[in-house]
Protein backbone atom coordinates (compact mmCIF):
# COMPACT_ATOMS: atom_id res chain seq x y z
CA MET A 1 -1.34 -15.62 34.92
CA PHE A 2 -3.26 -14.33 31.89
CA GLU A 3 -5.71 -17.20 32.06
CA ARG A 4 -7.45 -15.72 35.04
CA LEU A 5 -7.47 -12.24 33.48
CA PHE A 6 -9.09 -13.36 30.22
CA ALA A 7 -11.33 -16.13 31.63
CA GLY A 8 -14.41 -13.97 32.14
CA SER A 9 -14.00 -11.65 29.19
CA ASP A 10 -16.57 -11.59 26.38
CA LEU A 11 -14.45 -9.30 24.20
CA LEU A 12 -11.82 -11.74 23.04
CA ASP A 13 -13.24 -11.81 19.52
CA TRP A 14 -12.16 -8.20 18.80
CA PRO A 15 -8.37 -8.72 19.03
CA ILE A 16 -8.63 -11.77 16.77
CA ALA A 17 -10.79 -9.89 14.24
CA SER A 18 -8.44 -6.90 14.25
CA MET A 19 -5.40 -9.15 13.74
CA ILE A 20 -7.07 -10.83 10.75
CA PHE A 21 -8.01 -7.41 9.37
CA PHE A 22 -4.42 -6.19 9.74
CA PHE A 23 -2.98 -9.20 7.93
CA VAL A 24 -5.46 -8.90 5.07
CA PHE A 25 -4.76 -5.17 4.71
CA PHE A 26 -1.01 -5.71 4.89
CA ALA A 27 -1.16 -8.46 2.24
CA ALA A 28 -3.24 -6.19 -0.02
CA VAL A 29 -0.71 -3.36 0.32
CA ILE A 30 2.22 -5.70 -0.41
CA LEU A 31 0.44 -7.12 -3.47
CA ARG A 32 -0.31 -3.63 -4.77
CA VAL A 33 3.26 -2.43 -4.28
CA TYR A 34 4.78 -5.43 -6.02
CA SER A 35 2.26 -5.69 -8.85
CA LYS A 36 3.80 -5.54 -12.32
CA LYS A 37 0.99 -3.34 -13.57
CA ARG A 38 2.35 -0.34 -11.64
CA LYS A 39 6.02 -0.88 -12.53
CA ASN A 40 6.07 1.94 -15.10
CA LEU A 41 4.59 4.46 -12.67
CA TYR A 42 7.08 3.53 -9.96
CA GLU A 43 10.03 3.78 -12.35
CA HIS A 44 8.80 7.22 -13.54
CA MET A 45 8.39 8.45 -9.98
CA ALA A 46 11.82 7.07 -9.01
CA MET A 47 13.52 9.04 -11.75
CA LEU A 48 11.82 12.42 -10.95
CA PRO A 49 14.56 13.70 -8.62
CA LEU A 50 17.25 12.95 -11.18
CA ASP A 51 15.45 14.43 -14.20
CA ASP A 52 16.56 17.95 -15.33
CA ARG A 53 13.70 18.60 -17.72
CA ASP A 54 10.98 21.21 -17.38
CA PRO A 55 8.58 20.33 -14.49
CA ASN A 56 5.57 21.06 -16.73
CA ASP A 57 6.71 18.39 -19.20
CA LEU A 58 7.18 15.93 -16.31
CA ALA A 59 3.62 16.60 -15.10
CA GLU A 60 2.28 15.65 -18.55
CA GLN A 61 4.32 12.45 -18.55
CA GLY A 62 3.03 11.60 -15.09
CA LYS A 63 -0.54 12.01 -16.26
CA GLN A 64 0.14 9.74 -19.19
CA ALA A 65 1.74 7.14 -16.96
CA THR A 66 -1.23 7.08 -14.59
CA GLU A 67 -3.72 7.00 -17.44
CA THR A 68 -2.19 3.84 -18.83
CA LEU A 69 -2.76 2.21 -15.43
CA VAL A 70 -6.43 3.02 -15.25
């Protein structure tokens, strides 16, 4: 059924290219999320809702955590 629909099309390269782009982007996001380099930042951000300290102090700690990653 689909063979006749796609037989004369010259645009079949675009879906393949977009699928490859999606998988490369998805893999890059997964690698970034699970990288050990960012573990401290993620732990700090995860504890923010539970922390009762002054928000200004937390902002300074967040800056320090992001500076260590750069």
